[in-house]
Each structure stands twice: as structure tokens, then as C-alpha cells.
Protein backbone atom coordinates (compact mmCIF):
# COMPACT_ATOMS: atom_id res chain seq x y z
CA MET A 1 0.24 -2.23 -25.86
CA ASP A 2 -2.32 0.53 -25.45
CA ASP A 3 -4.49 -0.85 -28.26
CA ALA A 4 -5.07 -4.43 -27.02
CA TRP A 5 -8.75 -3.86 -26.24
CA SER A 6 -9.55 -2.18 -29.57
CA TRP A 7 -7.40 -4.72 -31.45
CA LEU A 8 -9.49 -7.54 -29.99
CA ALA A 9 -12.67 -5.73 -31.00
CA THR A 10 -11.54 -5.40 -34.62
CA LEU A 11 -10.56 -9.04 -35.19
CA PRO A 12 -12.31 -10.48 -38.27
CA GLU A 13 -15.15 -12.97 -38.11
CA PRO A 14 -14.13 -16.66 -38.27
CA SER A 15 -15.67 -16.92 -41.75
CA GLN A 16 -13.41 -14.10 -42.96
CA TRP A 17 -10.26 -15.20 -41.13
CA PRO A 18 -7.09 -14.31 -43.08
CA SER A 19 -4.40 -16.84 -43.96
CA THR A 20 -1.86 -14.88 -41.93
CA PRO A 21 -2.90 -14.66 -38.24
CA PRO A 22 -3.53 -11.07 -37.08
CA SER A 23 -0.92 -9.81 -34.60
CA LEU A 24 -0.29 -6.80 -32.39
CA ALA A 25 3.26 -5.62 -31.65
CA LEU A 26 3.74 -5.24 -27.89
CA ALA A 27 7.38 -4.11 -28.12
CA SER A 28 9.86 -3.87 -30.99
CA ALA A 29 13.34 -2.57 -31.69
CA ASP A 30 15.72 -3.24 -34.57
CA SER A 31 14.97 -6.77 -35.78
CA LYS A 32 13.48 -8.01 -32.51
CA SER A 33 9.86 -7.85 -31.43
CA ILE A 34 7.30 -9.24 -28.99
CA CYS A 35 3.87 -9.82 -30.53
CA LEU A 36 0.41 -10.88 -29.44
CA ALA A 37 -1.19 -13.00 -32.16
CA ALA A 38 -4.64 -14.54 -32.67
CA ASP A 39 -5.43 -17.76 -34.52
CA ARG A 40 -8.69 -19.64 -35.08
CA THR A 41 -9.09 -23.32 -34.41
CA ALA A 42 -10.06 -25.80 -37.08
CA GLY A 43 -13.70 -26.63 -37.66
CA SER A 44 -16.82 -24.94 -38.92
CA ASP A 45 -17.34 -21.23 -38.55
CA ALA A 46 -20.11 -21.85 -36.03
CA ASP A 47 -17.82 -23.92 -33.79
CA ALA A 48 -14.61 -21.92 -34.29
CA LEU A 49 -12.65 -20.71 -31.27
CA LEU A 50 -9.76 -18.26 -31.04
CA THR A 51 -6.43 -18.86 -29.36
CA PHE A 52 -3.99 -16.08 -28.47
CA SER A 53 -0.23 -16.39 -28.20
CA ILE A 54 2.74 -14.23 -27.23
CA THR A 55 5.65 -14.80 -29.58
CA PHE A 56 9.24 -13.54 -29.36
CA HIS A 57 10.86 -12.80 -32.71
CA GLY A 58 14.61 -12.48 -33.32
CA PHE A 59 15.81 -13.49 -29.84
CA HIS A 60 16.79 -17.10 -30.56
CA THR A 61 19.54 -17.99 -32.98
CA SER A 62 18.15 -21.48 -33.55
CA SER A 63 14.70 -20.28 -34.65
CA PRO A 64 13.44 -16.91 -35.91
CA SER A 65 10.46 -16.93 -33.54
CA ARG A 66 9.35 -18.80 -30.44
CA THR A 67 5.97 -18.87 -28.73
CA LEU A 68 6.23 -18.76 -24.94
CA TRP A 69 2.60 -18.21 -23.96
CA LEU A 70 -0.66 -19.65 -25.25
CA SER A 71 -4.15 -18.78 -24.08
CA ASP A 72 -7.09 -21.09 -23.56
CA PRO A 73 -9.48 -21.24 -26.54
CA VAL A 74 -12.17 -18.56 -26.30
CA SER A 75 -15.34 -17.80 -28.19
CA PRO A 76 -15.08 -15.05 -30.84
CA SER A 77 -18.30 -13.54 -29.50
CA SER A 78 -16.79 -12.79 -26.05
CA LEU A 79 -13.04 -12.33 -26.11
CA HIS A 80 -12.14 -9.66 -23.58
CA ILE A 81 -13.29 -11.06 -20.21
CA PRO A 82 -12.09 -14.69 -20.66
CA LEU A 83 -8.69 -13.47 -21.83
CA LEU A 84 -8.53 -11.00 -18.94
CA LEU A 85 -9.41 -13.71 -16.42
CA GLN A 86 -6.60 -15.96 -17.63
CA LEU A 87 -4.09 -13.09 -17.48
CA LEU A 88 -5.21 -12.28 -13.92
CA ARG A 89 -5.19 -15.90 -12.77
CA GLU A 90 -1.69 -16.56 -14.06
CA SER A 91 -0.26 -13.26 -12.73
CA VAL A 92 -1.75 -13.93 -9.28
CA SER A 93 -0.29 -17.44 -9.20
CA MET A 94 3.22 -15.96 -9.62
CA SER A 95 2.80 -13.42 -6.86
CA PRO A 96 5.35 -13.21 -4.00
CA SER A 97 2.47 -13.66 -1.59
CA SER A 98 2.40 -15.36 1.80
CA PHE A 99 0.06 -18.10 0.64
CA SER A 100 -0.64 -20.06 -2.52
CA LEU A 101 -3.74 -19.53 -4.63
CA SER A 102 -3.06 -22.32 -7.10
CA SER A 103 -6.62 -23.67 -6.86
CA MET A 104 -8.37 -20.31 -6.93
CA LYS A 105 -11.31 -19.63 -9.24
CA LEU A 106 -12.23 -16.20 -10.50
CA ASP A 107 -15.88 -15.30 -10.97
CA GLN A 108 -16.26 -14.31 -14.62
CA GLU A 109 -19.68 -12.79 -14.10
CA ALA A 110 -18.49 -10.67 -11.16
CA ILE A 111 -15.49 -9.37 -13.13
CA SER A 112 -17.69 -8.63 -16.14
CA ASP A 113 -20.18 -6.72 -13.97
CA ALA A 114 -17.34 -4.82 -12.26
CA LEU A 115 -15.98 -3.57 -15.57
CA GLY A 116 -19.33 -3.20 -17.32
CA GLU A 117 -19.20 -0.32 -19.74
CA ASP A 118 -16.39 1.38 -17.83
CA GLU A 119 -14.32 3.49 -20.20
CA GLN A 120 -11.21 2.51 -18.22
CA ALA A 121 -11.66 -1.20 -18.98
CA PRO A 122 -9.22 -1.06 -21.95
CA ALA A 123 -6.54 0.42 -19.70
CA PHE A 124 -7.06 -2.33 -17.12
CA LEU A 125 -6.74 -5.02 -19.78
CA SER A 126 -3.47 -3.39 -20.86
CA LEU A 127 -2.28 -3.46 -17.24
CA ALA A 128 -3.10 -7.17 -16.91
CA LEU A 129 -1.35 -7.91 -20.22
CA LEU A 130 1.75 -5.92 -19.18
CA LEU A 131 1.90 -7.75 -15.87
CA ARG A 132 1.66 -11.16 -17.51
CA LEU A 133 4.28 -10.19 -20.05
CA PHE A 134 6.56 -9.01 -17.24
CA TRP A 135 6.42 -12.41 -15.55
CA LEU A 136 6.99 -14.08 -18.89
CA CYS A 137 10.14 -12.01 -19.44
CA ALA A 138 11.26 -12.62 -15.86
CA THR A 139 10.88 -16.40 -15.92
CA GLU A 140 11.02 -17.81 -19.46
CA ALA A 141 12.14 -15.27 -22.05
CA PRO A 142 15.78 -14.48 -22.92
CA ALA A 143 17.48 -11.67 -20.99
CA ASP A 144 17.51 -9.30 -23.96
CA ALA A 145 13.73 -9.75 -24.26
CA GLY A 146 13.38 -8.36 -20.75
CA PHE A 147 15.60 -5.43 -21.72
CA LEU A 148 13.34 -4.71 -24.71
CA PHE A 149 10.25 -4.99 -22.52
CA PHE A 150 11.47 -2.42 -19.98
CA ARG A 151 12.79 -0.18 -22.72
CA ALA A 152 9.29 0.11 -24.19
CA LEU A 153 7.46 0.05 -20.85
CA ASP A 154 7.18 3.71 -19.79
CA PRO A 155 4.36 5.08 -22.01
CA PRO A 156 2.08 2.01 -21.98
CA LEU A 157 2.49 1.45 -18.22
CA GLU A 158 1.73 5.07 -17.38
CA HIS A 159 -1.41 4.78 -19.52
CA ALA A 160 -2.39 1.45 -17.95
CA LEU A 161 -1.98 2.80 -14.41
CA SER A 162 -4.69 5.38 -15.13
CA CYS A 163 -7.38 2.68 -14.74
CA ARG A 164 -8.15 3.70 -11.15
CA LEU A 165 -11.92 3.14 -11.30
CA ALA A 166 -11.67 -0.12 -13.23
CA LEU A 167 -9.03 -1.38 -10.82
CA ARG A 168 -11.31 -0.55 -7.88
CA GLY A 169 -14.20 -2.51 -9.38
CA VAL A 170 -12.08 -5.56 -10.18
CA LEU A 171 -10.38 -5.64 -6.76
CA LEU A 172 -13.74 -5.48 -4.98
CA ALA A 173 -14.98 -8.33 -7.18
CA LEU A 174 -11.87 -10.45 -6.55
CA GLY A 175 -12.11 -10.38 -2.76
CA PRO A 176 -9.35 -9.56 -0.24
CA ASP A 177 -7.29 -12.75 -0.67
CA VAL A 178 -6.91 -12.53 -4.44
CA GLU A 179 -6.61 -8.75 -4.20
CA GLU A 180 -3.58 -9.07 -1.92
CA SER A 181 -1.82 -11.50 -4.25
CA PHE A 182 -2.59 -9.46 -7.36
CA MET A 183 -1.35 -6.21 -5.80
CA ARG A 184 1.86 -7.87 -4.61
CA SER A 185 2.41 -9.26 -8.11
CA LEU A 186 1.85 -5.76 -9.54
CA GLY A 187 3.97 -4.20 -6.79
CA TYR A 188 6.90 -6.44 -7.69
CA MET A 189 6.79 -5.22 -11.30
CA LEU A 190 6.50 -1.59 -10.19
CA CYS A 191 9.50 -2.00 -7.87
CA LYS A 192 11.59 -3.26 -10.78
CA TRP A 193 10.38 -0.39 -12.95
CA CYS A 194 11.23 2.23 -10.30
CA ILE A 195 14.70 0.71 -9.78
CA LEU A 196 15.37 0.86 -13.52
CA ARG A 197 14.27 4.49 -13.76
CA GLU A 198 16.56 5.39 -10.85
CA LEU A 199 19.51 3.62 -12.50
CA GLN A 200 18.87 5.54 -15.71
CA GLY A 201 19.77 8.78 -13.94
CA SER A 202 18.49 12.31 -14.46
CA GLY A 203 16.79 11.49 -17.75
CA ALA A 204 14.24 9.41 -15.87
CA SER A 205 14.02 11.52 -12.72
CA ARG A 206 10.58 12.95 -13.54
CA LEU A 207 7.81 12.30 -11.07
CA LEU A 208 6.25 8.86 -11.09
CA PRO A 209 2.56 8.69 -12.08
CA PRO A 210 0.09 8.61 -9.16
CA GLY A 211 -0.99 5.14 -10.28
CA CYS A 212 2.29 3.74 -8.95
CA CYS A 213 0.69 3.92 -5.50
CA PRO A 214 -2.86 2.67 -6.26
CA SER A 215 -5.77 2.95 -3.85
CA TYR A 216 -9.53 2.76 -3.67
CA ALA A 217 -12.32 3.51 -1.20
CA ALA A 218 -15.69 1.83 -0.76
CA GLU A 219 -18.64 1.58 1.59
CA ARG A 220 -18.86 -1.96 2.94
CA HIS A 221 -21.51 -2.96 5.48
CA GLY A 222 -21.51 0.26 7.48
CA LEU A 223 -17.77 0.88 7.12
CA TRP A 224 -15.87 3.30 4.92
CA VAL A 225 -12.82 1.34 3.76
CA LEU A 226 -9.71 2.92 2.22
CA ARG A 227 -7.07 0.53 0.89
CA GLY A 228 -3.74 1.82 -0.37
CA PHE A 229 -0.68 0.09 -1.85
CA ALA A 230 2.71 1.74 -2.31
CA PRO A 231 5.91 0.04 -3.54
CA VAL A 232 8.61 1.59 -1.37
CA PRO A 233 10.78 2.78 -4.35
CA ALA A 234 7.73 4.70 -5.63
CA MET A 235 7.24 6.57 -2.34
CA ALA A 236 8.59 10.11 -2.07
CA ARG A 237 11.59 10.69 0.18
CA VAL A 238 10.95 13.00 3.11
CA GLY A 239 13.51 15.57 4.26
CA VAL A 240 15.63 15.29 1.11
CA THR A 241 16.18 18.23 -1.25
CA GLY A 242 17.53 17.70 -4.73
CA SER A 243 17.92 14.49 -6.67
CA SER A 244 21.27 13.70 -5.08
CA GLY A 245 20.50 14.76 -1.51
CA GLY A 246 20.12 12.48 1.46
CA PRO A 247 22.10 9.53 2.78
CA LYS A 248 23.47 6.91 0.41
CA LEU A 249 23.99 3.18 0.70
CA GLU A 250 27.57 2.14 0.13
CA VAL A 251 28.59 -0.33 -2.54
CA LYS A 252 29.22 -3.02 0.07
CA ASP A 253 25.56 -2.75 1.06
CA SER A 254 24.28 -3.97 -2.30
CA VAL A 255 22.36 -6.88 -0.74
CA LEU A 256 20.69 -4.51 1.71
CA ARG A 257 19.88 -2.10 -1.13
CA TYR A 258 18.18 -4.91 -3.04
CA ALA A 259 16.16 -5.98 0.02
CA LEU A 260 14.96 -2.44 0.80
CA ALA A 261 13.96 -1.82 -2.83
CA HIS A 262 11.63 -4.85 -2.95
CA GLN A 263 9.12 -3.88 -0.30
CA GLN A 264 5.56 -2.61 -0.40
CA LEU A 265 3.44 -0.65 2.05
CA GLU A 266 -0.10 -1.96 2.41
CA ALA A 267 -2.56 0.23 4.33
CA VAL A 268 -6.15 -0.45 5.34
CA VAL A 269 -8.30 2.23 6.99
CA GLN A 270 -11.75 1.24 8.24
CA LEU A 271 -13.98 3.99 9.61
CA GLU A 272 -17.37 3.35 11.18
CA TYR A 273 -19.95 6.05 10.47
CA ASN A 274 -23.41 6.90 11.76
CA VAL A 275 -26.20 9.23 10.61
CA CYS A 276 -28.48 10.19 13.49
CA MET A 277 -31.86 11.96 13.01
CA ARG A 278 -32.98 12.15 16.64
CA ASP A 279 -32.59 15.91 17.04
CA PRO A 280 -35.29 17.84 15.12
CA ARG A 281 -32.92 20.74 14.49
CA PHE A 282 -30.10 18.98 12.62
CA ILE A 283 -28.64 15.71 11.37
CA ARG A 284 -25.69 14.36 13.30
CA VAL A 285 -22.91 12.54 11.37
CA SER A 286 -20.36 10.67 13.52
CA VAL A 287 -17.21 8.88 12.41
CA ARG A 288 -14.77 6.86 14.47
CA VAL A 289 -11.83 4.56 13.81
CA ASP A 290 -12.73 0.90 13.52
CA ASN A 291 -9.31 -0.32 12.30
CA ILE A 292 -6.11 1.08 10.85
CA ARG A 293 -3.67 -1.57 9.63
CA LEU A 294 -0.25 -0.70 8.24
CA HIS A 295 2.09 -3.37 6.95
CA VAL A 296 5.35 -3.28 5.02
CA VAL A 297 5.80 -6.60 3.21
CA ARG A 298 8.88 -8.00 1.51
CA LEU A 299 8.31 -8.81 -2.16
CA ARG A 300 10.65 -11.74 -2.41
CA PHE A 301 10.86 -15.42 -3.34
CA GLY A 302 12.79 -18.26 -1.78
CA ARG A 303 12.75 -20.66 1.12
CA ARG A 304 9.93 -20.07 3.59
CA LYS A 305 10.36 -20.17 7.34
CA ASP A 306 8.17 -19.54 10.34
CA GLY A 307 7.46 -15.87 10.94
CA GLU A 308 6.28 -12.88 8.97
CA ASP A 309 5.00 -13.72 5.51
CA GLY A 310 6.09 -17.26 6.21
CA GLU A 311 9.68 -16.14 6.79
CA GLU A 312 11.84 -15.48 9.80
CA ALA A 313 14.56 -12.88 10.12
CA GLY A 314 18.04 -14.30 10.45
CA GLU A 315 20.01 -13.73 13.59
CA ASP A 316 23.49 -13.51 12.09
CA GLU A 317 25.17 -10.16 11.59
CA GLY A 318 24.90 -9.06 8.01
CA ASP A 319 21.68 -11.01 7.43
CA VAL A 320 19.19 -8.69 5.70
CA GLU A 321 16.13 -10.88 6.19
CA GLY A 322 14.97 -8.71 9.08
CA GLU A 323 15.70 -5.40 7.37
CA ARG A 324 12.66 -3.50 6.23
CA HIS A 325 10.98 -0.13 6.45
CA PHE A 326 8.47 0.33 9.25
CA PRO A 327 5.44 2.64 9.63
CA SER A 328 6.47 5.70 11.62
CA ARG A 329 3.57 8.13 11.16
CA ALA A 330 0.01 8.08 9.81
CA ARG A 331 -2.68 10.69 9.09
CA VAL A 332 -6.27 9.93 8.13
CA TRP A 333 -8.65 12.64 6.88
CA VAL A 334 -12.44 12.32 6.72
CA GLY A 335 -15.07 14.98 6.09
CA PRO A 336 -17.36 16.63 3.52
CA GLU A 337 -15.89 17.17 0.07
CA LEU A 338 -13.84 20.32 -0.44
CA GLY A 339 -15.92 23.48 -0.80
CA SER A 340 -18.95 22.09 1.01
CA SER A 341 -20.78 24.46 3.37
CA TYR A 342 -23.73 22.36 4.50
CA ALA A 343 -21.89 20.78 7.46
CA THR A 344 -20.76 22.42 10.71
CA GLY A 345 -17.76 20.89 12.41
CA PRO A 346 -15.90 18.80 13.00
CA SER A 347 -16.39 18.47 16.73
CA LEU A 348 -13.46 16.50 18.04
CA GLY A 349 -13.80 13.86 20.71
CA ARG A 350 -10.28 13.84 22.14
CA SER A 351 -8.42 16.63 23.94
CA SER A 352 -4.81 17.47 23.17
CA GLY A 353 -2.39 15.11 24.86
CA ASN A 354 -1.70 15.97 28.48
CA PRO A 355 -0.64 12.61 29.92
CA ALA A 356 -0.97 12.09 33.64
CA ARG A 357 2.05 11.00 35.65
CA GLU A 358 2.21 8.95 38.80
CA VAL A 359 4.41 10.49 41.47
CA GLU A 360 5.75 8.25 44.17
CA ALA A 361 7.38 9.90 47.19
CA MET A 362 9.42 8.12 49.82
CA ARG A 363 10.63 9.87 52.97
CA THR A 364 13.00 8.31 55.44
CA VAL A 365 13.85 9.80 58.83
CA LYS A 366 16.84 8.51 60.69
CA GLY A 367 17.52 9.47 64.29
CA ARG A 368 20.27 8.71 66.68
CA PHE A 369 21.01 9.61 70.29
CA TRP A 370 24.45 9.54 71.65
CA GLY A 371 26.03 10.48 74.88
CA GLY A 372 26.10 14.11 75.78
CA LYS A 373 23.62 16.90 76.24
CA THR A 374 22.50 17.11 72.58
CA ALA A 375 20.79 14.61 70.30
CA GLY A 376 21.61 14.18 66.63
CA VAL A 377 18.95 13.54 63.96
CA LYS A 378 19.48 12.76 60.27
CA ALA A 379 16.68 12.91 57.62
CA ALA A 380 16.66 11.71 54.01
CA ALA A 381 13.94 12.08 51.38
CA ARG A 382 13.59 10.47 47.96
CA THR A 383 10.97 11.11 45.24
CA ALA A 384 10.32 8.85 42.25
CA THR A 385 8.17 9.66 39.21
CA ARG A 386 6.64 7.04 36.96
CA ALA A 387 4.93 7.67 33.63
CA LEU A 388 3.13 5.23 31.35
CA ALA A 389 4.82 5.63 27.97
CA ARG A 390 3.54 4.21 24.68
CA SER A 391 5.47 3.98 21.44
CA TRP A 392 2.50 5.24 19.38
CA ARG A 393 0.58 8.37 20.27
CA TRP A 394 -2.75 9.09 18.54
CA GLU A 395 -4.39 12.51 18.38
CA GLN A 396 -7.31 14.28 16.73
CA GLU A 397 -7.11 17.49 14.74
CA ALA A 398 -9.23 19.51 12.30
CA GLU A 399 -8.27 20.77 8.87
CA GLY A 400 -11.01 22.94 7.40
CA GLY A 401 -14.13 20.82 7.43
CA ALA A 402 -12.27 17.52 7.82
CA GLY A 403 -11.44 15.63 10.97
CA VAL A 404 -7.95 14.16 11.23
CA PHE A 405 -6.75 11.10 13.11
CA GLU A 406 -2.97 11.19 13.44
CA GLY A 407 -0.52 8.78 15.00
CA VAL A 408 3.23 9.16 15.50
CA ILE A 409 5.74 6.64 16.83
CA HIS A 410 8.30 7.79 19.40
CA ASP A 411 11.56 6.19 20.41
CA GLY A 412 11.03 4.74 23.86
CA ALA A 413 14.49 5.70 25.08
CA THR A 414 14.72 9.32 23.90
CA GLY A 415 11.10 10.27 23.18
CA THR A 416 12.11 11.45 19.70
CA GLU A 417 9.55 11.36 16.87
CA VAL A 418 11.01 8.81 14.49
CA ALA A 419 9.57 10.17 11.22
CA ALA A 420 10.79 13.71 11.91
CA TRP A 421 14.28 12.87 13.18
CA ARG A 422 17.31 14.12 11.27
CA PRO A 423 20.91 14.03 12.46
CA VAL A 424 22.24 17.44 13.51
CA VAL A 425 25.96 17.98 13.00
CA GLY A 426 27.67 19.19 16.14
CA ALA A 427 24.61 18.75 18.35
CA GLY A 428 22.64 16.04 20.01
CA GLY A 429 19.73 16.39 17.58
CA GLY A 430 17.19 15.75 20.31
CA GLY A 431 18.30 12.16 20.79
CA ASP A 432 19.19 9.51 18.23
CA PRO A 433 16.32 6.97 17.93
CA ARG A 434 18.26 4.48 15.82
CA GLY A 435 19.53 2.58 18.82
CA GLY A 436 16.06 2.23 20.32
CA MET A 437 14.65 0.97 17.01
CA ARG A 438 17.06 -1.95 16.77
CA ARG A 439 15.53 -5.43 17.02
CA ARG A 440 12.15 -3.77 16.85
CA TYR A 441 10.26 -6.95 15.92
CA SER A 442 11.16 -8.88 19.06
CA GLY A 443 10.70 -8.42 22.79
CA TRP A 444 7.61 -7.79 24.89
CA GLY A 445 7.76 -3.98 24.54
CA ARG A 446 8.00 -3.86 20.74
CA ALA A 447 5.97 -1.26 18.84
CA PHE A 448 5.29 -3.64 15.93
CA SER A 449 3.85 -7.08 15.51
CA LYS A 450 6.11 -10.03 14.78
CA ALA A 451 4.98 -9.66 11.17
CA GLY A 452 6.33 -6.08 11.15
CA GLY A 453 2.96 -4.34 11.01
CA VAL A 454 0.91 -1.92 13.08
CA VAL A 455 -2.72 -2.49 14.04
CA VAL A 456 -4.78 0.33 15.57
CA ALA A 457 -8.20 -0.80 16.76
CA GLY A 458 -11.14 1.14 18.13
CA ASP A 459 -9.93 0.76 21.73
CA GLU A 460 -6.87 2.89 20.89
CA VAL A 461 -8.84 5.76 19.30
CA PRO A 462 -12.39 5.27 20.67
CA GLU A 463 -13.60 8.88 20.47
CA ALA A 464 -15.71 9.85 17.45
CA VAL A 465 -15.56 13.02 15.34
CA GLU A 466 -18.95 14.63 14.65
CA TRP A 467 -20.54 17.04 12.17
CA ARG A 468 -23.95 18.71 12.20
CA VAL A 469 -25.88 19.01 8.94
CA GLY A 470 -29.02 21.08 8.33
CA ARG A 471 -32.35 19.30 8.03
CA GLU A 472 -32.77 20.64 4.50
CA MET A 473 -30.15 18.06 3.37
CA GLU A 474 -32.23 15.11 4.58
CA GLY A 475 -32.62 12.40 1.96
CA ARG A 476 -29.72 13.54 -0.21
CA VAL A 477 -26.60 11.57 -1.14
CA VAL A 478 -23.45 13.65 -0.74
CA ARG A 479 -19.77 13.04 -1.41
CA TRP A 480 -17.34 12.79 1.47
CA ARG A 481 -13.57 12.70 1.22
CA LEU A 482 -11.48 9.95 2.70
CA ALA A 483 -7.72 10.29 2.58
CA GLY A 484 -4.62 8.95 4.23
CA ARG A 485 -0.91 9.59 4.31
CA VAL A 486 1.59 7.12 5.74
CA TRP A 487 5.27 7.60 6.48
CA VAL A 488 7.68 4.67 6.58
CA SER A 489 11.22 4.89 7.94
CA TYR A 490 14.23 2.64 7.82
CA PHE A 491 16.78 2.26 10.61
CA ALA A 492 19.09 -0.72 10.86
CA ASN A 493 17.49 -3.65 12.65
CA GLU A 494 20.14 -6.38 12.67
CA VAL A 495 22.85 -5.31 10.21
CA LYS A 496 25.59 -2.78 10.86
CA THR A 497 24.91 0.30 8.73
CA GLY A 498 24.35 3.98 9.36
CA TYR A 499 21.90 4.29 6.48
CA PHE A 500 18.43 5.65 7.25
CA GLU A 501 15.58 7.24 5.34
CA THR A 502 11.92 8.21 5.58
CA ARG A 503 9.42 8.02 2.72
CA SER A 504 5.70 8.76 2.44
CA ALA A 505 2.71 8.06 0.22
CA GLU A 506 -0.69 9.73 0.15
CA TRP A 507 -4.06 8.54 -1.15
CA ARG A 508 -7.27 10.58 -1.67
CA GLU A 509 -10.63 9.01 -2.47
CA ASP A 510 -14.34 9.89 -2.32
CA VAL A 511 -17.22 7.93 -0.81
CA ASP A 512 -21.00 8.42 -0.83
CA LEU A 513 -22.93 9.35 2.31
CA ALA A 514 -26.74 8.99 2.29
CA LEU A 515 -28.29 11.45 4.74
CA VAL A 516 -31.14 9.18 5.71
CA ALA A 517 -32.17 7.68 9.04
CA GLY A 518 -30.75 4.35 10.08
CA THR A 519 -27.70 4.47 7.80
CA ASN A 520 -25.62 2.83 10.47
CA GLU A 521 -25.58 2.38 14.21
CA LEU A 522 -22.35 3.66 15.73
CA THR A 523 -21.30 2.39 19.14
CA VAL A 524 -18.78 4.65 20.80
CA THR A 525 -16.56 2.99 23.38
CA THR A 526 -15.76 5.08 26.43
């Protein structure tokens, strides 16, 4: 599978086409194989076109081979991009997305420009081919063909996932709608792959490649944008030591296990930046949060209802429709690249949390006179304290030369940090937040949207973080780091289970910063 790009480049000219169509083995074992073959159409050499097919050999008793996929005819002079576009279009159409893209059109020129002469283009073509083959095995091929596919998947998929730069270029060219569907289609395959590796036991317990949680960063119209995708099974467990540590789902919870394993975290971080030249002594660089959006989506198929992703959680006990992980903590880093000494800072714009409380005092004096020489008086006093509590608390910190925006969700009843909570045997453990997190997607005081996500806008974290850069750097383009780490937790929402867990994923990317006047105008809300 790794050689698809070079195999296409070495296909013979139509005038020298062999009698036996050239083929590339995608997977093989014993007497069974899955092959990609090329064949030329009839006609003159000048008008000849090539058609590609995926054929399964040895899986059907009635026939030695069966073709289950056929490409559109393409010109021999330009094979790679048209074939890639068809693979992308068909994989996106099968995505477990919230909306249909059946009539979508992909811009061939934009995709071609995005890949260009990128040395990672062959790896991206392999990724698109693997994804299309996965859906073919999942929907049309015999069951043992899917077994052969996953058996041969590890090395080629790890190689294909290394196409980070090519993936970034293609996703930017596709646009956000197609990007979402493509990444959910890819996420579904990665979830299946992670589940299989876990079932295989210790032999497959090595670390997953970083490409299992893809991300990219870009400068878009005055915003630094970081987008990250993480299939939940590919996220590292937090607070668990050893391969067998941590809580386990019981056998009777198999439906819940399946639901929790087919979910994906989608994170979007948008930071607004400004380069100010007004002071003759230094350049001021300011960054503030424009938007942070965290969403855990279910990668599933079936009947659609009203609600999140077109579906609605069931209300019956034992219904797992409303069971999913939820964002419980987030950290966003931004600052000059590691080792840089040209910037001073960061200067933070928010003090450490010291929330004010409203104190309400009520005093009541009761008096009574009765017969006799003395009077009796009774007094009573009552004091009430009210505090405005929010589920999410956002703070600023500094790590070296980077500024950090961090948010943590607390249980409203106990005040416990959800991501850091662990049960303590024989003690209260600082309060159990699982009860307060039940039915977390309903009610006026919920910490999440009805769709199960979290949106942090500029009004929640309005203060900017600033750096000062010497005037000698004026006119240069420097690299800045943009990174994020998100924790997701699971507590029971509707079902009865004591299972819980917390996982996390981290993404690190670089962006360019031009130290020139008028880069962007930053408006800080006070």
C-alpha cells in the first residue's frame, strides 16, 4: 500500500500497454489477496484512458476473483489527483457526519495546488486509498476480506498517518464542511483500528503513532487557528498506571463499551493576535482568545432524531444514546518558539482567581413586656452568604516564554475538579462529582450545550496576553508555537454503571508571525 504513488508513476504508456493489466497487491495472505489494477480503454493511443479497479481474489467460492470498486476513466498524463479526488469524494460520502454531502464538488485545482510538490503527497494518497478500502471492506466485501485488511493494516497506516503537512494543505483546500466529514470518516476507521489493537492484547500495546490524533494550525484572516481531532480510543488514559490498571467495563456493559469506543474529540482554537508598533522602544505582540470549541461526537449510523448530530438521547434506563465523554479540562499554549530570546514576557492580563462573594445579613430583634418589674427582650440574628458559581473556570498562566489559557470544569454540587477526581478508598475523596454530572445535557444550569459541546468565546476570557519584542526584529517573520491539550471524562449520564475514566490528547503546531505594522487590529473587551 505504501507504493501506490510510485506505482502510478511507473505505469507504461498506452502504446506499450501489456496484455496483462498491471496490478499492485494491497494485502495478501495464503491464497487470498486484494489488488489495485489498471487497465486502458479501447481506442487509439492518443485517446486512451485508464481505469483502476480493486479486486478481491480467493474470497468467493463461485468465482476466483471479484471486482468491487471501479474508478472513473482518467487521462494517463495526470493520474494522481483525479484518482485522489474520487477516493476522497467517496470516503466523505460514507462519513458518519451530521449532514449529507452527496452533491458536493471538490476543487481539483485547489487540491493539486495544496499538494504541489509536497514530499508527503504519496503518503496522503496511501491514506485516502486505505480509507476507501476500509469502507469497501466494511460495506461490500466478505468478512474474511476485512480480517485480511486489518491484519495487514499496521505498517501502511502508520506510514500514511505521517502525512501531516499534506493533510493540512488538503483540509484547508477542502473547507470546513468537507473537512469535518472527511475527518469523521477517518476517525471511524481509526476507532476500529484502536479497538482491534486493544483486543489483540499485549502484543499490540505499543504506543499509537501521533498521527492517530491529527491536527494542523494556520493563519486565517487575522486569526491563528488550531484544529485537532482525536478518536477517543486513541487518547491516552489519565491516572492509570500499567496496561491493566484502571476501572473496567463489565461484560453486561458491552453496548455501552461499543458506544464509548466510537467517539471523537474535535477541538477548534481561534486566537486573535495583534502587532503594535506605536512605542518607539519595542514592538508589542498581543494575543487573546477569540473562540475555543470542544465537541465530542458519536461516530455512528442509524435512525436520526432531533438533537445533537441529528440524534436525541433516549430517556429509558439502559439507553446508551446519551452516553458520551465530555470535555473536562483544556490548556492552550501560545508564544515564541522554544529557545527564542528576542521576546520579553508574557505579561498576563488576568489575576489569579479570587472570586467575590455577596454577604447578606439579616438581624431580627424581638421584644416583649410582661407584668412585673422587669422586661424581657429576645434577639435573633441570621447571616446568609451567596456566591456566583460557574461550572467552568478559566485562568491565565505562564510557562517559560509561552502564555497559557486554562479552563477546568467543577462539579456544581461539591466543587470538585472533574478531570482530577479519583475515588479514595475509605475516605470522602473530596466529594464525588458523578452524581452532579448526571443528565448533564439538559436543564438550564448545564455546563454543556444540548449537542454535548463547550464553546468559550472572547467574553469569557477577554484579557489578552502580551509580549515585548526589540525593534531590531522589525520586518522579520518568526515562528510561534501554538499548542493545546484537552481532557475528556466519562461519568454515567443516563445508564446505571459505576464506570468512569479520563483521557487526554495534545497537539503542537507552529505558525508564522510577521513583525510588521498593521498585521492585525486587536480589540480587547473589558
